Amino acid sequence: MRAPRLISLVLLLQNRGRLTAGELAEELDVSVRTVYRDIDSLNSAGIPVYGDAGHGGGYQLLDGYRTRLTGLHADEAESLFLAGLPGAADDLGLGEVLAAAQLKLTAALPAPLRDRAGRIRERFHLDALGWYREQDSPPDLVALADAVWNQRRIRVRYRRWARPQEVERELDPYGLVLKAGVWYLVAAVDGAVRTYRVSSILRLDVGEAVFERPDEFDLAAHWRDYLAAYDARRLRLQASVRISPALLSALPDRLDAALVRAVEDSAGPPGPDGWVPATVPLESVELAVPVLLSLGPDIEVLAPGELRRALAERAAAVLDRYRSADSPARPVDSPARARDGDLSSSAADRVASSPRAASTPKP
């Protein structure tokens, strides 16, 4: 690893000019003492690196010196496809490789283009992770990525939603997809292409057997089709609703994209009070209730009746809990009481709809 680090050190000085030992150590993820030793090694090899002591000092290359060691090796060239996703590159074990590739690419550019690339990096940043989420970094991701790349058949123990929850599968891994900070594996099992959440893989065994990946398989096209089919499969409950003008203008911030599109496509003319009729596709009555209630009184469900009653019962249970601000707290009621308890007529007529029908794919 020392030779690549020495090359990276030279390229850092070539691209950025004067850098202190501390700055070099931070960039190369080594100690300052290691930087000192590397500088001595470069000088011994005839690379004109010199240092200035004191405030504003640091190391730099002799004016006019430029290295020609800018050729990318295979791993570096491949890592450039992840240049806008440093978190993904780190997850796949390519963080250092990507940094080296970017250094070499920058060093190979003429000075005006190199400066322009630097300004772009300073002014634009891509953060592909969804709000309120942390990066999903499964422990087996690097080994899984290696199996995908080398077309090695794998055996996994997988935790799923259906029963039995833990199953074993032999898979041909076709590709990996990073969706809103969550990694998914697209793989063939018994001739059918399925999608698996990587963090739900409990055990991974990479075999020696090599499979043939179909030449016509397009990972991006498959993922688009999968998402469309998933939305069609999960959003099976059609709810007729009335939406207030205030909520209508805020829909993109309150509902996921599939629901917003559905409302826009089905919206009718506003009524005398300005409320707009529309149809909202939802997963089920059980999952729709918390989604709809979180939107408050700016939406009213007209049908189906089962969903309207479930919303009224849940709203009545909440109202009963907070009816008297002076009453002492009581143990949380069971779901059965929420269903069978005394309902107020006003609560029965109020319904709501929620920020996001948020659920992740359940392969």
Protein backbone atom coordinates (compact mmCIF):
# COMPACT_ATOMS: atom_id res chain seq x y z
CA MET A 1 0.00 0.00 0.00
CA ARG A 2 3.02 2.34 0.38
CA ALA A 3 3.66 2.95 -3.34
CA PRO A 4 0.04 4.05 -4.06
CA ARG A 5 0.21 6.31 -0.99
CA LEU A 6 3.42 7.98 -2.22
CA ILE A 7 1.80 8.57 -5.61
CA SER A 8 -1.27 10.05 -3.90
CA LEU A 9 0.96 12.33 -1.82
CA VAL A 10 2.69 13.68 -4.94
CA LEU A 11 -0.63 14.18 -6.71
CA LEU A 12 -2.06 16.02 -3.71
CA LEU A 13 0.85 18.47 -3.77
CA GLN A 14 0.60 18.80 -7.55
CA ASN A 15 -3.13 19.51 -7.46
CA ARG A 16 -3.38 21.71 -4.36
CA GLY A 17 0.01 23.30 -3.94
CA ARG A 18 1.40 23.83 -0.45
CA LEU A 19 0.02 21.49 2.26
CA THR A 20 1.12 20.99 5.84
CA ALA A 21 2.12 17.60 7.21
CA GLY A 22 -1.10 17.55 9.23
CA GLU A 23 -3.23 18.22 6.15
CA LEU A 24 -1.44 15.49 4.20
CA ALA A 25 -1.86 13.06 7.08
CA GLU A 26 -5.59 13.76 7.22
CA GLU A 27 -6.01 13.32 3.45
CA LEU A 28 -4.03 10.07 3.38
CA ASP A 29 -5.45 8.75 6.67
CA VAL A 30 -2.00 8.19 8.18
CA SER A 31 0.02 9.71 11.01
CA VAL A 32 2.12 12.87 10.66
CA ARG A 33 5.19 10.74 11.38
CA THR A 34 4.33 8.58 8.36
CA VAL A 35 4.08 11.72 6.21
CA TYR A 36 7.59 12.75 7.30
CA ARG A 37 8.94 9.33 6.32
CA ASP A 38 7.13 9.46 2.96
CA ILE A 39 8.56 12.91 2.20
CA ASP A 40 12.07 11.56 2.89
CA SER A 41 11.40 8.62 0.58
CA LEU A 42 10.23 10.92 -2.22
CA ASN A 43 13.32 13.10 -1.86
CA SER A 44 15.52 10.00 -2.00
CA ALA A 45 13.72 8.97 -5.22
CA GLY A 46 14.46 12.36 -6.81
CA ILE A 47 10.98 13.88 -6.45
CA PRO A 48 11.57 17.62 -5.71
CA VAL A 49 9.47 18.07 -2.57
CA TYR A 50 10.61 20.78 -0.18
CA GLY A 51 9.21 22.18 3.03
CA ASP A 52 9.04 25.55 4.74
CA ALA A 53 8.91 25.80 8.51
CA GLY A 54 6.91 28.22 10.60
CA HIS A 55 3.50 29.84 10.25
CA GLY A 56 2.19 29.46 6.70
CA GLY A 57 4.76 26.77 5.96
CA GLY A 58 4.24 23.32 4.56
CA TYR A 59 5.38 21.01 1.78
CA GLN A 60 5.18 21.68 -1.93
CA LEU A 61 6.70 20.56 -5.21
CA LEU A 62 9.39 22.53 -6.99
CA ASP A 63 7.76 25.04 -9.35
CA GLY A 64 7.17 23.52 -12.77
CA TYR A 65 7.43 19.88 -11.65
CA ARG A 66 4.58 17.64 -12.81
CA THR A 67 4.39 13.90 -12.44
CA ARG A 68 3.20 11.73 -15.31
CA LEU A 69 1.97 8.99 -12.98
CA THR A 70 -1.68 9.70 -13.75
CA GLY A 71 -2.77 6.45 -15.42
CA LEU A 72 -5.82 4.85 -13.81
CA HIS A 73 -5.72 1.17 -12.97
CA ALA A 74 -8.82 -0.98 -13.40
CA ASP A 75 -10.25 -0.57 -9.86
CA GLU A 76 -9.82 3.21 -10.00
CA ALA A 77 -11.51 3.47 -13.40
CA GLU A 78 -14.45 1.38 -12.17
CA SER A 79 -14.78 3.45 -8.99
CA LEU A 80 -15.29 6.66 -10.99
CA PHE A 81 -18.89 5.59 -11.62
CA LEU A 82 -19.43 6.20 -7.87
CA ALA A 83 -17.72 9.60 -7.88
CA GLY A 84 -20.93 11.39 -6.84
CA LEU A 85 -21.68 8.90 -4.07
CA PRO A 86 -18.73 8.78 -1.66
CA GLY A 87 -20.85 7.06 0.99
CA ALA A 88 -21.73 4.25 -1.43
CA ALA A 89 -18.08 3.92 -2.44
CA ASP A 90 -17.08 3.56 1.23
CA ASP A 91 -19.79 0.92 1.77
CA LEU A 92 -18.44 -1.10 -1.15
CA GLY A 93 -14.85 -0.82 0.07
CA LEU A 94 -13.86 1.57 -2.72
CA GLY A 95 -13.42 4.79 -0.75
CA GLU A 96 -9.62 4.94 -0.96
CA VAL A 97 -9.63 3.69 -4.56
CA LEU A 98 -12.10 6.41 -5.56
CA ALA A 99 -10.03 9.11 -3.84
CA ALA A 100 -6.90 7.94 -5.71
CA ALA A 101 -8.77 7.89 -9.02
CA GLN A 102 -10.07 11.41 -8.51
CA LEU A 103 -6.58 12.64 -7.67
CA LYS A 104 -5.15 11.11 -10.83
CA LEU A 105 -7.96 12.45 -12.97
CA THR A 106 -7.53 15.94 -11.52
CA ALA A 107 -3.76 15.84 -12.03
CA ALA A 108 -4.21 14.91 -15.69
CA LEU A 109 -6.40 17.95 -16.41
CA PRO A 110 -4.98 21.21 -17.79
CA ALA A 111 -4.73 23.93 -15.14
CA PRO A 112 -7.89 25.88 -16.19
CA LEU A 113 -10.03 22.72 -16.18
CA ARG A 114 -8.48 21.58 -12.90
CA ASP A 115 -9.43 24.87 -11.27
CA ARG A 116 -12.94 24.62 -12.69
CA ALA A 117 -13.33 21.07 -11.34
CA GLY A 118 -12.19 22.30 -7.93
CA ARG A 119 -14.77 25.09 -7.92
CA ILE A 120 -17.52 22.65 -8.84
CA ARG A 121 -16.52 20.34 -5.99
CA GLU A 122 -16.56 23.26 -3.56
CA ARG A 123 -19.98 24.53 -4.68
CA PHE A 124 -22.07 21.42 -5.41
CA HIS A 125 -22.68 18.42 -3.19
CA LEU A 126 -24.91 15.39 -3.75
CA ASP A 127 -26.61 13.88 -0.70
CA ALA A 128 -28.77 11.02 -1.97
CA LEU A 129 -29.89 9.87 1.48
CA GLY A 130 -33.54 10.45 2.38
CA TRP A 131 -34.52 12.72 5.28
CA TYR A 132 -34.68 11.16 8.76
CA ARG A 133 -32.58 8.17 7.67
CA GLU A 134 -29.08 6.98 8.37
CA GLN A 135 -26.89 5.32 5.77
CA ASP A 136 -27.60 1.59 5.53
CA SER A 137 -24.20 -0.18 5.71
CA PRO A 138 -24.78 -3.95 5.96
CA PRO A 139 -21.71 -5.89 7.16
CA ASP A 140 -21.76 -8.34 4.22
CA LEU A 141 -22.03 -5.66 1.55
CA VAL A 142 -18.41 -5.79 0.40
CA ALA A 143 -18.45 -9.59 0.06
CA LEU A 144 -21.79 -9.38 -1.73
CA ALA A 145 -20.48 -6.75 -4.14
CA ASP A 146 -17.49 -9.00 -4.88
CA ALA A 147 -19.88 -11.88 -5.66
CA VAL A 148 -21.91 -9.62 -7.97
CA TRP A 149 -18.79 -8.45 -9.79
CA ASN A 150 -17.26 -11.93 -10.19
CA GLN A 151 -20.61 -13.64 -10.91
CA ARG A 152 -20.30 -16.05 -7.99
CA ARG A 153 -23.36 -17.99 -6.89
CA ILE A 154 -24.31 -17.32 -3.26
CA ARG A 155 -26.36 -18.97 -0.54
CA VAL A 156 -28.14 -16.72 1.94
CA ARG A 157 -30.25 -17.03 5.03
CA TYR A 158 -32.82 -14.26 4.69
CA ARG A 159 -35.38 -12.70 7.05
CA ARG A 160 -38.61 -11.79 5.26
CA TRP A 161 -42.10 -10.57 6.19
CA ALA A 162 -44.02 -13.73 5.27
CA ARG A 163 -43.95 -16.90 7.32
CA PRO A 164 -41.70 -18.74 7.76
CA GLN A 165 -39.76 -15.55 8.33
CA GLU A 166 -36.28 -17.05 7.94
CA VAL A 167 -35.57 -18.90 4.70
CA GLU A 168 -32.51 -20.11 2.80
CA ARG A 169 -32.02 -19.29 -0.86
CA GLU A 170 -29.40 -20.05 -3.50
CA LEU A 171 -29.09 -16.93 -5.66
CA ASP A 172 -27.37 -15.65 -8.76
CA PRO A 173 -26.59 -12.01 -7.77
CA TYR A 174 -27.17 -9.75 -10.80
CA GLY A 175 -26.65 -6.34 -9.19
CA LEU A 176 -26.90 -4.00 -6.21
CA VAL A 177 -29.14 -0.94 -5.96
CA LEU A 178 -28.86 1.91 -3.46
CA LYS A 179 -32.32 3.41 -2.93
CA ALA A 180 -32.66 6.33 -0.49
CA GLY A 181 -29.74 5.07 1.59
CA VAL A 182 -30.88 1.42 1.62
CA TRP A 183 -29.06 -1.33 -0.31
CA TYR A 184 -31.03 -3.92 -2.29
CA LEU A 185 -29.81 -7.05 -4.06
CA VAL A 186 -31.34 -7.99 -7.40
CA ALA A 187 -30.81 -11.71 -7.91
CA ALA A 188 -32.18 -14.69 -9.79
CA VAL A 189 -33.66 -17.65 -7.90
CA ASP A 190 -35.02 -20.63 -9.81
CA GLY A 191 -35.04 -18.57 -13.00
CA ALA A 192 -37.06 -15.67 -11.52
CA VAL A 193 -35.52 -12.27 -10.72
CA ARG A 194 -36.26 -11.11 -7.16
CA THR A 195 -35.29 -8.19 -4.94
CA TYR A 196 -33.83 -8.61 -1.45
CA ARG A 197 -32.99 -6.02 1.18
CA VAL A 198 -29.31 -6.53 1.96
CA SER A 199 -29.65 -5.68 5.66
CA SER A 200 -32.13 -8.58 5.99
CA ILE A 201 -29.51 -11.12 4.91
CA LEU A 202 -28.64 -12.98 8.11
CA ARG A 203 -25.89 -15.15 6.64
CA LEU A 204 -24.00 -15.00 3.36
CA ASP A 205 -21.92 -17.80 1.83
CA VAL A 206 -20.12 -17.06 -1.44
CA GLY A 207 -19.49 -20.20 -3.44
CA GLU A 208 -16.96 -21.06 -6.12
CA ALA A 209 -19.57 -21.78 -8.79
CA VAL A 210 -19.82 -19.11 -11.49
CA PHE A 211 -23.17 -18.28 -13.10
CA GLU A 212 -23.89 -16.75 -16.49
CA ARG A 213 -25.44 -13.30 -16.24
CA PRO A 214 -27.94 -12.76 -19.11
CA ASP A 215 -26.51 -10.31 -21.65
CA GLU A 216 -29.91 -8.68 -22.10
CA PHE A 217 -30.45 -7.96 -18.40
CA ASP A 218 -30.59 -4.20 -17.73
CA LEU A 219 -30.36 -3.44 -14.01
CA ALA A 220 -31.68 0.14 -14.26
CA ALA A 221 -34.65 -0.89 -16.43
CA HIS A 222 -35.44 -3.81 -14.12
CA TRP A 223 -35.42 -1.52 -11.08
CA ARG A 224 -37.81 0.96 -12.74
CA ASP A 225 -40.21 -1.88 -13.59
CA TYR A 226 -39.88 -3.30 -10.08
CA LEU A 227 -40.80 0.02 -8.44
CA ALA A 228 -43.83 0.46 -10.71
CA ALA A 229 -45.02 -3.08 -9.97
CA TYR A 230 -44.38 -2.63 -6.26
CA ASP A 231 -46.51 0.53 -6.11
CA ALA A 232 -49.30 -1.21 -8.05
CA ARG A 233 -49.10 -4.20 -5.71
CA ARG A 234 -49.05 -2.32 -2.41
CA LEU A 235 -51.52 0.51 -3.17
CA ARG A 236 -54.64 -1.62 -3.56
CA LEU A 237 -57.11 0.31 -1.38
CA GLN A 238 -58.80 3.20 -3.21
CA ALA A 239 -60.02 5.91 -0.83
CA SER A 240 -62.34 8.69 -1.96
CA VAL A 241 -61.39 11.87 -0.11
CA ARG A 242 -61.92 15.62 0.11
CA ILE A 243 -58.77 17.72 0.54
CA SER A 244 -58.57 21.25 1.90
CA PRO A 245 -56.85 23.97 -0.17
CA ALA A 246 -54.14 24.29 2.49
CA LEU A 247 -53.27 20.59 2.36
CA LEU A 248 -53.50 20.45 -1.42
CA SER A 249 -50.71 22.99 -1.81
CA ALA A 250 -48.57 21.11 0.73
CA LEU A 251 -49.07 17.60 -0.67
CA PRO A 252 -45.54 17.21 -2.11
CA ASP A 253 -44.16 17.73 1.41
CA ARG A 254 -46.73 15.50 3.13
CA LEU A 255 -47.22 12.45 0.89
CA ASP A 256 -44.91 10.25 -1.13
CA ALA A 257 -44.59 10.81 -4.87
CA ALA A 258 -46.90 7.96 -5.90
CA LEU A 259 -49.78 9.34 -3.81
CA VAL A 260 -49.21 12.91 -4.98
CA ARG A 261 -49.38 11.77 -8.61
CA ALA A 262 -52.57 9.84 -7.91
CA VAL A 263 -54.24 12.86 -6.32
CA GLU A 264 -53.17 15.13 -9.18
CA ASP A 265 -54.52 12.65 -11.76
CA SER A 266 -57.86 12.12 -10.00
CA ALA A 267 -58.58 15.59 -8.58
CA GLY A 268 -61.96 17.04 -9.49
CA PRO A 269 -63.14 20.66 -9.52
CA PRO A 270 -63.17 22.39 -6.12
CA GLY A 271 -66.46 22.54 -4.24
CA PRO A 272 -68.07 25.73 -2.87
CA ASP A 273 -65.79 25.53 0.19
CA GLY A 274 -62.67 25.13 -1.96
CA TRP A 275 -62.13 21.50 -0.98
CA VAL A 276 -61.09 19.21 -3.84
CA PRO A 277 -62.38 15.64 -4.34
CA ALA A 278 -59.77 13.04 -5.24
CA THR A 279 -58.86 9.37 -5.00
CA VAL A 280 -55.92 8.25 -2.87
CA PRO A 281 -54.46 4.74 -3.30
CA LEU A 282 -53.43 3.18 0.01
CA GLU A 283 -52.09 -0.17 1.17
CA SER A 284 -54.78 -1.34 3.61
CA VAL A 285 -57.16 -0.03 6.23
CA GLU A 286 -54.73 -0.96 9.01
CA LEU A 287 -51.77 0.85 7.44
CA ALA A 288 -53.85 3.76 6.13
CA VAL A 289 -55.21 4.86 9.51
CA PRO A 290 -51.96 6.23 11.01
CA VAL A 291 -51.00 7.67 7.61
CA LEU A 292 -54.24 9.60 7.27
CA LEU A 293 -54.58 10.68 10.89
CA SER A 294 -51.17 12.33 10.81
CA LEU A 295 -52.50 14.91 8.32
CA GLY A 296 -55.04 16.27 10.78
CA PRO A 297 -58.45 17.69 9.81
CA ASP A 298 -57.47 18.89 6.31
CA ILE A 299 -58.68 15.71 4.63
CA GLU A 300 -61.97 13.84 4.89
CA VAL A 301 -62.41 10.23 3.82
CA LEU A 302 -65.76 9.63 2.14
CA ALA A 303 -65.27 5.95 1.27
CA PRO A 304 -64.78 3.12 1.91
CA GLY A 305 -66.90 3.06 5.02
CA GLU A 306 -64.60 0.59 6.76
CA LEU A 307 -61.71 3.06 6.57
CA ARG A 308 -63.91 5.96 7.70
CA ARG A 309 -65.11 4.00 10.74
CA ALA A 310 -61.56 2.92 11.63
CA LEU A 311 -60.38 6.53 11.50
CA ALA A 312 -63.29 7.71 13.66
CA GLU A 313 -62.62 5.00 16.25
CA ARG A 314 -58.93 5.81 16.47
CA ALA A 315 -59.65 9.55 16.66
CA ALA A 316 -62.23 8.95 19.40
CA ALA A 317 -59.71 6.91 21.40
CA VAL A 318 -57.19 9.76 21.16
CA LEU A 319 -59.85 12.31 22.09
CA ASP A 320 -60.89 10.21 25.08
CA ARG A 321 -57.26 10.02 26.21
CA TYR A 322 -56.86 13.81 26.20
CA ARG A 323 -60.45 14.85 26.97
CA SER A 324 -59.53 16.33 30.35
CA ALA A 325 -56.17 18.03 30.73
CA ASP A 326 -56.50 17.72 34.51
CA SER A 327 -57.21 13.99 34.61
CA PRO A 328 -54.35 11.73 35.73
CA ALA A 329 -52.60 9.58 33.17
CA ARG A 330 -54.02 6.08 32.81
CA PRO A 331 -52.54 2.86 31.43
CA VAL A 332 -52.59 2.70 27.64
CA ASP A 333 -55.78 1.06 26.40
CA SER A 334 -55.62 -2.02 24.26
CA PRO A 335 -56.47 -1.90 20.53
CA ALA A 336 -59.69 -3.74 21.37
CA ARG A 337 -60.87 -0.88 23.57
CA ALA A 338 -60.04 1.60 20.83
CA ARG A 339 -62.31 -0.39 18.54
CA ASP A 340 -65.12 -1.06 20.96
CA GLY A 341 -65.06 2.10 23.09
CA ASP A 342 -67.65 4.87 23.23
CA LEU A 343 -67.31 7.06 20.09
CA SER A 344 -68.15 10.74 19.93
CA SER A 345 -70.21 11.79 16.91
CA SER A 346 -67.86 14.66 16.12
CA ALA A 347 -64.87 12.31 16.05
CA ALA A 348 -66.82 9.91 13.86
CA ASP A 349 -67.23 12.60 11.25
CA ARG A 350 -63.57 13.67 11.25
CA VAL A 351 -60.91 11.91 9.25
CA ALA A 352 -57.43 12.69 8.11
CA SER A 353 -54.64 11.54 5.86
CA SER A 354 -50.87 11.18 6.66
CA PRO A 355 -47.47 12.41 5.61
CA ARG A 356 -46.27 9.41 3.77
CA ALA A 357 -47.62 6.00 3.01
CA ALA A 358 -44.15 4.97 3.90
CA SER A 359 -43.17 1.39 3.62
CA THR A 360 -40.11 -0.22 2.22
CA PRO A 361 -40.31 -3.06 -0.29
CA LYS A 362 -41.11 -6.36 1.39
CA PRO A 363 -39.67 -9.05 -0.89
